Amino acid sequence: MRLINIVSLWFLGITLAALLIGTLVIYEKLGSEIDFELGMELDREIESYAERISQGAPVETLVFDKLQIEEIPMDWPIEDLWLRDTLAYHDAMNTNETQLKASRSFKINGAHYRISYYNLVVEADDITETIVTTMLTVFLVQLLFIGFFLWAISRKIFRPFHNSLEQLQDFTLQKNVPLSFKKSGVFEFNLLNSFLEKMSSKLLKDYRNIKEFSENISHEIQTPSAVVRGKLELLMNESINEQQALLIQSAFDNNERIRRIVKSLSILAKLENDEFETPEPMDFSRGLENVLSRLEEVIQMHAIQLKKNIQADVILQIHPYVAEILIHNLMTNSIKHNVEGGKIEVTLDSKILLIKNNGKTPSIDPKEMLGRFKKDEQHQDSVGLGLAIVDQICKNYGFNLKYTFEEPFHIIQIDFR
C-alpha cells in the first residue's frame, strides 16, 4: 500500500473515532440538558400553581389533565422536587405517551398539598435517531472533504519523496552517474536525499575500484599463467624421467586450476554486478544443441550415452553469452561427475530444462553444492564454482534452480516460469 494511502487511512480512522466519541458525548449531554430544562420548567409551573393556591384560588378549579393536586397529612415532611417518567393519556395524539412528571409538596394556609405536573417528553429513540442521522450526515460530508483535501495535500507534500524513489529505481551502477535530487521544502526529505547522494557516490567509487581490481588481477594472473603453461609444455618435450614428468604434470594441472578459478570468479563478479547487456530474445534450443555438438567427442570419450528430448524454438529472454555459460557449465558438470558408461538425459521445453546424469551418491547435501567452492569430497579436482555461476544466472533472470539426487541420478531442473 502506498505511503500516502496509509497516512490518509490513519488520519481518517482517527478522525472518525473522534467524531463518533463526540457524537456520544453530545447525545448524553443533550439528553441530560433536556431533562434538566424540562424539570426546571415543570418546577416553575408547580410554583405558579402553589402561588395561586396561597392567594386563595380554589384547588378544584385549578386541576386539569396535566395537573394533579392532592392533600396529604400535615405531619408529613415537605417533599422536594421529584422527576420521573410515566405513561399518561395525550388528547392530541389520542393515546398514552411517555411524559415527564414533576412532583413537589407545599404547606399552604394550614394544609399540605402535593402538586404534580405532566409534560410530553420526546422519546429517547426519537432523539437518538434525529441526532445520529444529523451528525452522521454532517460527519460523512466532513470526512469526504477532509479525505480529499488530505489526499491532495499529502500528494503535494510527498511529491519530492516520490521523485526520489523514481530516481532510485532508475539508478544502476552501469550508468556510472551518482544520484542528484532537487531541493524540497521539507527538511527531512532534504536530509534523506543528501544521504542518498553521498551513498550513491561512494557506491560508484567502490564499484569502480572493485571492477578495476577484478579486471587487473584477472589480467595479471592470466598472463603469467599462460607463460608458465608454455614453459611447462616445453619442459615436457625435453628428455625427462618419470618422476620429473609427474611433477611437471602436477604443476601444469594446478596452473590450469588457477586459470579456471580466476576466469570463473571474473564471470561471477560480472553476473553479480549485472554487467552484461540487456537480455534479448534468444533461441535457447539452438544454443543447447550447439553446446552438445561441441561436447560430443568428450561424451563419446567417456562412453556416456546421451539421450535428448529438445523442443525446437524455445525462446528465452537472456543474454546469449550468459546462456552459453549456463548450458556449458551444466553439461560439463554432468560429464565430469558421471561414471564410465553412464547416461545423460537432457529435456527442454518452454517451461523447464532438465538434466539427469549417473553419478556417485554425494557426500554433502546437493543444495550446498550451489555455493561458492562447495564440492563433493569425491571430486577434489573440481574448482567448485560451476554450479555457483549457474545459480547466480538463475537468480539474475528469475529462474528457479533445483538440484536433487535420486539414486542413481543427479537431477538439475531449471524452471523458466
Protein backbone atom coordinates (compact mmCIF):
# COMPACT_ATOMS: atom_id res chain seq x y z
CA MET A 1 0.00 0.00 0.00
CA ARG A 2 1.25 3.47 -0.87
CA LEU A 3 2.53 5.71 1.92
CA ILE A 4 0.04 8.47 1.09
CA ASN A 5 -2.86 5.98 1.38
CA ILE A 6 -1.59 4.68 4.73
CA VAL A 7 -1.33 8.23 6.13
CA SER A 8 -4.80 9.10 4.78
CA LEU A 9 -6.42 5.96 6.22
CA TRP A 10 -4.83 6.51 9.64
CA PHE A 11 -5.95 10.15 9.69
CA LEU A 12 -9.48 9.30 8.56
CA GLY A 13 -9.70 6.46 11.09
CA ILE A 14 -8.63 8.70 13.96
CA THR A 15 -10.96 11.47 12.77
CA LEU A 16 -13.89 9.04 12.52
CA ALA A 17 -13.22 7.69 16.02
CA ALA A 18 -13.04 11.24 17.40
CA LEU A 19 -16.29 12.19 15.65
CA LEU A 20 -18.11 9.11 16.98
CA ILE A 21 -16.92 9.80 20.52
CA GLY A 22 -18.02 13.41 20.07
CA THR A 23 -21.45 12.24 18.92
CA LEU A 24 -21.90 10.09 22.03
CA VAL A 25 -20.79 12.93 24.31
CA ILE A 26 -23.17 15.35 22.58
CA TYR A 27 -26.02 12.86 22.83
CA GLU A 28 -25.50 12.28 26.55
CA LYS A 29 -25.03 15.98 27.24
CA LEU A 30 -28.07 16.94 25.19
CA GLY A 31 -30.25 14.31 26.90
CA SER A 32 -29.28 15.45 30.39
CA GLU A 33 -29.72 19.11 29.39
CA ILE A 34 -33.21 18.41 28.03
CA ASP A 35 -34.20 16.62 31.25
CA PHE A 36 -32.80 19.46 33.36
CA GLU A 37 -34.57 22.21 31.42
CA LEU A 38 -37.86 20.31 31.39
CA GLY A 39 -37.55 19.73 35.13
CA MET A 40 -36.96 23.43 35.75
CA GLU A 41 -39.89 24.36 33.53
CA LEU A 42 -42.20 21.95 35.36
CA ASP A 43 -40.94 23.23 38.72
CA ARG A 44 -41.79 26.79 37.69
CA GLU A 45 -45.28 25.67 36.67
CA ILE A 46 -45.77 23.91 40.03
CA GLU A 47 -44.60 27.01 41.94
CA SER A 48 -47.01 29.20 39.98
CA TYR A 49 -49.95 26.97 40.95
CA ALA A 50 -48.79 26.87 44.58
CA GLU A 51 -48.72 30.69 44.49
CA ARG A 52 -52.29 30.79 43.18
CA ILE A 53 -53.45 28.43 45.97
CA SER A 54 -51.79 30.67 48.55
CA GLN A 55 -53.68 33.60 47.04
CA GLY A 56 -56.98 31.81 47.75
CA ALA A 57 -57.76 30.15 44.42
CA PRO A 58 -59.98 27.06 44.97
CA VAL A 59 -57.96 23.86 44.43
CA GLU A 60 -60.71 22.11 42.47
CA THR A 61 -60.76 24.90 39.88
CA LEU A 62 -57.05 24.51 39.14
CA VAL A 63 -56.91 20.76 38.49
CA PHE A 64 -56.86 19.57 34.83
CA ASP A 65 -55.38 16.64 32.86
CA LYS A 66 -51.75 17.80 33.28
CA LEU A 67 -52.10 18.97 36.86
CA GLN A 68 -52.84 16.90 39.93
CA ILE A 69 -53.28 18.41 43.41
CA GLU A 70 -53.79 16.15 46.38
CA GLU A 71 -53.88 16.95 50.08
CA ILE A 72 -51.56 14.89 52.25
CA PRO A 73 -51.13 14.68 56.04
CA MET A 74 -49.77 17.86 57.59
CA ASP A 75 -47.22 15.99 59.66
CA TRP A 76 -45.50 14.59 56.55
CA PRO A 77 -42.21 16.30 55.66
CA ILE A 78 -42.16 18.66 52.72
CA GLU A 79 -41.22 16.76 49.55
CA ASP A 80 -38.53 18.20 47.31
CA LEU A 81 -38.86 18.26 43.52
CA TRP A 82 -39.11 14.73 42.19
CA LEU A 83 -38.93 13.88 38.47
CA ARG A 84 -39.92 10.60 36.85
CA ASP A 85 -41.22 9.23 33.57
CA THR A 86 -44.79 7.97 33.45
CA LEU A 87 -47.43 6.98 30.92
CA ALA A 88 -50.32 9.41 30.58
CA TYR A 89 -53.09 9.94 28.09
CA HIS A 90 -52.43 12.61 25.49
CA ASP A 91 -55.56 14.18 23.99
CA ALA A 92 -53.98 15.45 20.77
CA MET A 93 -52.39 12.08 19.99
CA ASN A 94 -55.33 10.13 21.39
CA THR A 95 -53.00 7.60 23.02
CA ASN A 96 -50.87 7.01 26.09
CA GLU A 97 -47.45 8.65 25.72
CA THR A 98 -44.34 8.81 27.87
CA GLN A 99 -44.47 12.03 29.84
CA LEU A 100 -42.24 13.63 32.44
CA LYS A 101 -43.96 14.00 35.81
CA ALA A 102 -42.71 16.51 38.38
CA SER A 103 -43.98 16.38 41.96
CA ARG A 104 -43.42 18.66 44.93
CA SER A 105 -45.26 19.42 48.18
CA PHE A 106 -46.15 22.74 49.81
CA LYS A 107 -47.67 23.71 53.18
CA ILE A 108 -50.13 26.48 52.37
CA ASN A 109 -52.68 28.11 54.66
CA GLY A 110 -52.60 25.25 57.18
CA ALA A 111 -52.85 22.49 54.58
CA HIS A 112 -50.25 20.22 52.97
CA TYR A 113 -50.59 19.84 49.19
CA ARG A 114 -48.68 17.59 46.74
CA ILE A 115 -48.73 19.20 43.35
CA SER A 116 -47.83 17.05 40.28
CA TYR A 117 -47.46 18.39 36.76
CA TYR A 118 -47.03 16.42 33.49
CA ASN A 119 -45.43 17.35 30.18
CA LEU A 120 -44.95 15.36 26.97
CA VAL A 121 -41.37 14.14 26.52
CA VAL A 122 -39.78 13.33 23.19
CA GLU A 123 -38.73 9.66 23.44
CA ALA A 124 -35.03 8.77 23.62
CA ASP A 125 -35.30 6.77 20.38
CA ASP A 126 -36.60 9.85 18.58
CA ILE A 127 -33.78 11.99 19.99
CA THR A 128 -31.20 9.33 19.10
CA GLU A 129 -32.48 8.92 15.56
CA THR A 130 -32.53 12.65 14.94
CA ILE A 131 -29.11 13.29 16.46
CA VAL A 132 -27.42 10.28 14.85
CA THR A 133 -28.90 10.99 11.41
CA THR A 134 -27.91 14.64 11.53
CA MET A 135 -24.47 14.07 13.00
CA LEU A 136 -23.61 11.19 10.64
CA THR A 137 -24.67 13.22 7.63
CA VAL A 138 -22.50 16.12 8.74
CA PHE A 139 -19.60 13.84 9.66
CA LEU A 140 -19.70 11.91 6.39
CA VAL A 141 -19.62 15.14 4.41
CA GLN A 142 -16.75 16.33 6.60
CA LEU A 143 -14.88 13.06 6.12
CA LEU A 144 -15.24 13.29 2.35
CA PHE A 145 -13.89 16.82 2.31
CA ILE A 146 -11.15 16.02 4.83
CA GLY A 147 -10.17 12.87 2.93
CA PHE A 148 -9.98 14.68 -0.41
CA PHE A 149 -8.02 17.65 0.89
CA LEU A 150 -5.73 15.39 2.95
CA TRP A 151 -5.01 13.28 -0.14
CA ALA A 152 -4.34 16.36 -2.24
CA ILE A 153 -2.12 17.99 0.41
CA SER A 154 -0.25 14.75 1.16
CA ARG A 155 0.30 14.17 -2.55
CA LYS A 156 1.89 17.60 -2.84
CA ILE A 157 3.96 17.17 0.33
CA PHE A 158 5.19 13.69 -0.64
CA ARG A 159 5.93 14.62 -4.27
CA PRO A 160 9.68 15.14 -3.59
CA PHE A 161 9.76 11.76 -1.85
CA HIS A 162 8.18 10.03 -4.86
CA ASN A 163 10.61 11.81 -7.17
CA SER A 164 13.47 10.43 -5.09
CA LEU A 165 12.00 6.92 -5.30
CA GLU A 166 11.73 7.18 -9.09
CA GLN A 167 15.38 8.22 -9.35
CA LEU A 168 16.41 5.38 -7.04
CA GLN A 169 14.58 2.87 -9.24
CA ASP A 170 16.43 4.15 -12.32
CA PHE A 171 19.83 4.15 -10.58
CA THR A 172 22.28 1.50 -11.80
CA LEU A 173 26.00 1.05 -11.30
CA GLN A 174 26.48 0.58 -15.03
CA LYS A 175 25.34 4.14 -15.83
CA ASN A 176 28.12 5.45 -13.57
CA VAL A 177 26.06 8.54 -12.69
CA PRO A 178 25.58 9.45 -8.99
CA LEU A 179 22.17 10.45 -7.69
CA SER A 180 21.25 14.12 -7.67
CA PHE A 181 18.00 15.38 -6.15
CA LYS A 182 16.22 18.73 -6.29
CA LYS A 183 15.85 20.65 -3.05
CA SER A 184 12.44 20.42 -1.41
CA GLY A 185 10.73 22.46 1.27
CA VAL A 186 10.83 19.56 3.75
CA PHE A 187 13.94 19.32 5.94
CA GLU A 188 13.69 15.54 6.43
CA PHE A 189 13.42 14.89 2.69
CA ASN A 190 16.47 17.06 2.03
CA LEU A 191 18.37 15.18 4.74
CA LEU A 192 17.42 11.83 3.20
CA ASN A 193 18.34 12.99 -0.31
CA SER A 194 21.70 14.28 0.89
CA PHE A 195 22.46 10.91 2.47
CA LEU A 196 21.41 9.06 -0.70
CA GLU A 197 23.62 11.28 -2.85
CA LYS A 198 26.64 10.55 -0.66
CA MET A 199 25.88 6.83 -0.61
CA SER A 200 25.46 6.63 -4.39
CA SER A 201 28.78 8.41 -4.95
CA LYS A 202 30.50 6.04 -2.53
CA LEU A 203 28.87 3.00 -4.15
CA LEU A 204 30.02 4.06 -7.60
CA LYS A 205 33.54 4.70 -6.35
CA ASP A 206 33.71 1.31 -4.61
CA TYR A 207 32.21 -0.39 -7.65
CA ARG A 208 34.80 1.16 -9.98
CA ASN A 209 37.62 0.17 -7.62
CA ILE A 210 36.37 -3.42 -7.31
CA LYS A 211 35.78 -3.70 -11.04
CA GLU A 212 39.22 -2.33 -11.82
CA PHE A 213 40.82 -4.62 -9.24
CA SER A 214 38.96 -7.64 -10.63
CA GLU A 215 39.98 -6.85 -14.20
CA ASN A 216 43.58 -6.16 -13.21
CA ILE A 217 44.00 -9.30 -11.15
CA SER A 218 42.37 -11.39 -13.87
CA HIS A 219 44.73 -9.98 -16.48
CA GLU A 220 47.81 -10.07 -14.27
CA ILE A 221 47.24 -13.69 -13.26
CA GLN A 222 46.27 -14.98 -16.69
CA THR A 223 49.37 -13.55 -18.36
CA PRO A 224 51.97 -15.26 -16.14
CA SER A 225 49.74 -18.34 -16.06
CA ALA A 226 49.95 -18.58 -19.84
CA VAL A 227 53.73 -18.15 -19.65
CA VAL A 228 54.01 -20.90 -17.03
CA ARG A 229 51.84 -23.16 -19.16
CA GLY A 230 54.02 -22.62 -22.21
CA LYS A 231 57.23 -23.32 -20.31
CA LEU A 232 55.76 -26.46 -18.74
CA GLU A 233 54.81 -27.72 -22.18
CA LEU A 234 58.37 -27.09 -23.35
CA LEU A 235 59.75 -29.00 -20.37
CA MET A 236 57.50 -31.96 -21.10
CA ASN A 237 59.03 -32.15 -24.58
CA GLU A 238 62.51 -32.43 -23.09
CA SER A 239 64.21 -35.67 -22.11
CA ILE A 240 62.99 -36.22 -18.55
CA ASN A 241 62.43 -39.18 -16.26
CA GLU A 242 59.05 -40.40 -14.99
CA GLN A 243 59.25 -38.58 -11.63
CA GLN A 244 60.06 -35.28 -13.33
CA ALA A 245 57.18 -35.83 -15.73
CA LEU A 246 54.77 -36.32 -12.82
CA LEU A 247 55.98 -33.14 -11.13
CA ILE A 248 55.62 -31.15 -14.33
CA GLN A 249 52.13 -32.56 -14.92
CA SER A 250 51.12 -31.64 -11.35
CA ALA A 251 52.39 -28.09 -11.85
CA PHE A 252 50.57 -27.92 -15.17
CA ASP A 253 47.27 -29.11 -13.60
CA ASN A 254 47.49 -26.62 -10.74
CA ASN A 255 48.30 -23.81 -13.14
CA GLU A 256 45.19 -24.71 -15.15
CA ARG A 257 43.18 -24.80 -11.94
CA ILE A 258 44.29 -21.26 -11.07
CA ARG A 259 43.34 -20.09 -14.56
CA ARG A 260 39.86 -21.64 -14.28
CA ILE A 261 39.30 -20.16 -10.80
CA VAL A 262 40.24 -16.66 -11.97
CA LYS A 263 38.01 -16.95 -15.03
CA SER A 264 35.07 -18.28 -13.00
CA LEU A 265 35.40 -15.60 -10.31
CA SER A 266 35.55 -12.93 -13.01
CA ILE A 267 32.32 -14.25 -14.56
CA LEU A 268 30.66 -14.41 -11.12
CA ALA A 269 31.63 -10.81 -10.37
CA LYS A 270 30.17 -9.63 -13.68
CA LEU A 271 26.96 -11.55 -13.03
CA GLU A 272 26.58 -10.18 -9.50
CA ASN A 273 27.20 -6.63 -10.75
CA ASP A 274 24.78 -7.19 -13.64
CA GLU A 275 27.39 -6.07 -16.14
CA PHE A 276 26.01 -8.00 -19.11
CA GLU A 277 23.88 -6.17 -21.65
CA THR A 278 20.09 -6.10 -21.53
CA PRO A 279 18.66 -9.59 -22.19
CA GLU A 280 17.23 -10.24 -25.62
CA PRO A 281 15.08 -13.00 -27.16
CA MET A 282 17.36 -15.97 -27.79
CA ASP A 283 16.77 -19.40 -29.34
CA PHE A 284 17.72 -21.46 -26.31
CA SER A 285 17.07 -24.73 -28.18
CA ARG A 286 19.71 -23.91 -30.79
CA GLY A 287 22.16 -22.78 -28.11
CA LEU A 288 21.73 -26.10 -26.27
CA GLU A 289 22.22 -28.10 -29.48
CA ASN A 290 25.40 -26.14 -30.29
CA VAL A 291 26.95 -26.85 -26.88
CA LEU A 292 26.04 -30.55 -27.09
CA SER A 293 27.60 -30.71 -30.54
CA ARG A 294 30.88 -29.24 -29.25
CA LEU A 295 30.94 -31.69 -26.33
CA GLU A 296 30.06 -34.72 -28.45
CA GLU A 297 33.65 -36.04 -28.62
CA VAL A 298 34.12 -35.67 -24.86
CA ILE A 299 30.87 -37.55 -24.24
CA GLN A 300 31.93 -40.36 -26.56
CA MET A 301 35.39 -40.50 -24.99
CA HIS A 302 33.79 -41.26 -21.60
CA ALA A 303 31.46 -43.83 -23.22
CA ILE A 304 28.46 -41.87 -21.94
CA GLN A 305 25.05 -42.45 -23.52
CA LEU A 306 23.32 -39.16 -24.34
CA LYS A 307 19.54 -39.07 -24.57
CA LYS A 308 17.99 -35.77 -25.52
CA ASN A 309 14.44 -34.51 -25.90
CA ILE A 310 14.79 -30.90 -27.01
CA GLN A 311 11.75 -28.91 -28.10
CA ALA A 312 12.53 -26.65 -31.05
CA ASP A 313 12.29 -22.85 -30.93
CA VAL A 314 12.29 -22.37 -27.16
CA ILE A 315 12.80 -18.61 -26.89
CA LEU A 316 14.11 -17.08 -23.64
CA GLN A 317 14.91 -13.52 -22.62
CA ILE A 318 18.60 -13.99 -21.81
CA HIS A 319 21.98 -12.70 -22.97
CA PRO A 320 23.40 -15.23 -25.50
CA TYR A 321 26.83 -15.39 -23.84
CA VAL A 322 25.25 -15.92 -20.42
CA ALA A 323 23.03 -18.68 -21.86
CA GLU A 324 26.11 -20.40 -23.29
CA ILE A 325 27.87 -20.25 -19.90
CA LEU A 326 24.76 -21.70 -18.22
CA ILE A 327 24.45 -24.62 -20.65
CA HIS A 328 28.19 -25.32 -20.81
CA ASN A 329 28.59 -25.41 -17.02
CA LEU A 330 25.62 -27.76 -16.60
CA MET A 331 26.77 -30.15 -19.33
CA THR A 332 30.44 -30.25 -18.29
CA ASN A 333 29.28 -30.84 -14.72
CA SER A 334 27.10 -33.79 -15.83
CA ILE A 335 30.05 -35.25 -17.79
CA LYS A 336 32.72 -34.67 -15.13
CA HIS A 337 30.67 -36.17 -12.30
CA ASN A 338 29.33 -39.09 -14.33
CA VAL A 339 30.53 -42.68 -14.28
CA GLU A 340 32.20 -44.64 -17.05
CA GLY A 341 29.49 -45.85 -19.41
CA GLY A 342 26.86 -43.74 -17.64
CA LYS A 343 23.90 -41.83 -19.01
CA ILE A 344 22.93 -38.20 -19.52
CA GLU A 345 19.32 -37.24 -20.22
CA VAL A 346 18.58 -33.71 -21.45
CA THR A 347 14.99 -32.43 -21.66
CA LEU A 348 14.00 -28.94 -22.78
CA ASP A 349 10.63 -27.29 -23.36
CA SER A 350 9.22 -23.80 -22.92
CA LYS A 351 8.88 -24.30 -19.14
CA ILE A 352 11.89 -26.30 -17.94
CA LEU A 353 15.41 -27.51 -18.64
CA LEU A 354 16.02 -30.91 -17.03
CA ILE A 355 19.42 -32.63 -16.93
CA LYS A 356 19.86 -36.07 -15.35
CA ASN A 357 23.16 -37.92 -15.14
CA ASN A 358 24.51 -41.00 -13.41
CA GLY A 359 26.89 -40.40 -10.56
CA LYS A 360 28.02 -41.48 -7.14
CA THR A 361 25.97 -40.64 -4.07
CA PRO A 362 27.07 -37.14 -2.97
CA SER A 363 28.80 -36.79 0.39
CA ILE A 364 27.01 -33.47 1.09
CA ASP A 365 23.53 -32.09 0.52
CA PRO A 366 23.20 -31.30 -3.23
CA LYS A 367 21.78 -27.86 -2.34
CA GLU A 368 25.07 -26.96 -0.64
CA MET A 369 26.96 -27.51 -3.90
CA LEU A 370 25.27 -24.42 -5.33
CA GLY A 371 27.52 -22.26 -3.13
CA ARG A 372 31.00 -21.00 -3.95
CA PHE A 373 33.83 -23.51 -3.64
CA LYS A 374 31.35 -26.13 -2.40
CA LYS A 375 32.21 -29.52 -3.87
CA ASP A 376 31.88 -33.22 -3.21
CA GLU A 377 34.86 -34.80 -1.43
CA GLN A 378 34.93 -37.35 -4.25
CA HIS A 379 35.81 -34.62 -6.76
CA GLN A 380 38.57 -32.57 -5.16
CA ASP A 381 39.98 -31.65 -8.58
CA SER A 382 36.84 -29.59 -9.25
CA VAL A 383 37.05 -25.80 -8.90
CA GLY A 384 33.69 -25.67 -7.12
CA LEU A 385 32.36 -22.60 -8.95
CA GLY A 386 30.44 -24.06 -11.91
CA LEU A 387 27.12 -24.52 -10.13
CA ALA A 388 27.59 -21.26 -8.21
CA ILE A 389 27.71 -19.49 -11.60
CA VAL A 390 24.59 -21.38 -12.73
CA ASP A 391 22.80 -20.40 -9.51
CA GLN A 392 23.71 -16.72 -9.95
CA ILE A 393 22.50 -16.74 -13.57
CA CYS A 394 19.16 -18.22 -12.46
CA LYS A 395 18.81 -15.54 -9.77
CA ASN A 396 19.59 -12.76 -12.27
CA TYR A 397 16.96 -13.94 -14.76
CA GLY A 398 14.29 -15.08 -12.31
CA PHE A 399 14.67 -18.81 -13.00
CA ASN A 400 14.08 -21.41 -10.28
CA LEU A 401 17.01 -23.84 -9.85
CA LYS A 402 16.63 -27.24 -8.15
CA TYR A 403 19.41 -29.79 -7.58
CA THR A 404 18.48 -33.20 -6.17
CA PHE A 405 19.84 -36.74 -6.10
CA GLU A 406 17.61 -39.75 -6.71
CA GLU A 407 19.64 -42.95 -6.89
CA PRO A 408 21.37 -43.34 -9.33
CA PHE A 409 20.75 -39.91 -10.90
CA HIS A 410 21.89 -36.38 -10.14
CA ILE A 411 18.99 -34.17 -11.28
CA ILE A 412 19.20 -30.48 -12.10
CA GLN A 413 15.97 -28.73 -13.05
CA ILE A 414 15.56 -25.11 -14.09
CA ASP A 415 12.02 -23.71 -14.19
CA PHE A 416 11.79 -20.77 -16.60
CA ARG A 417 8.32 -19.62 -15.45
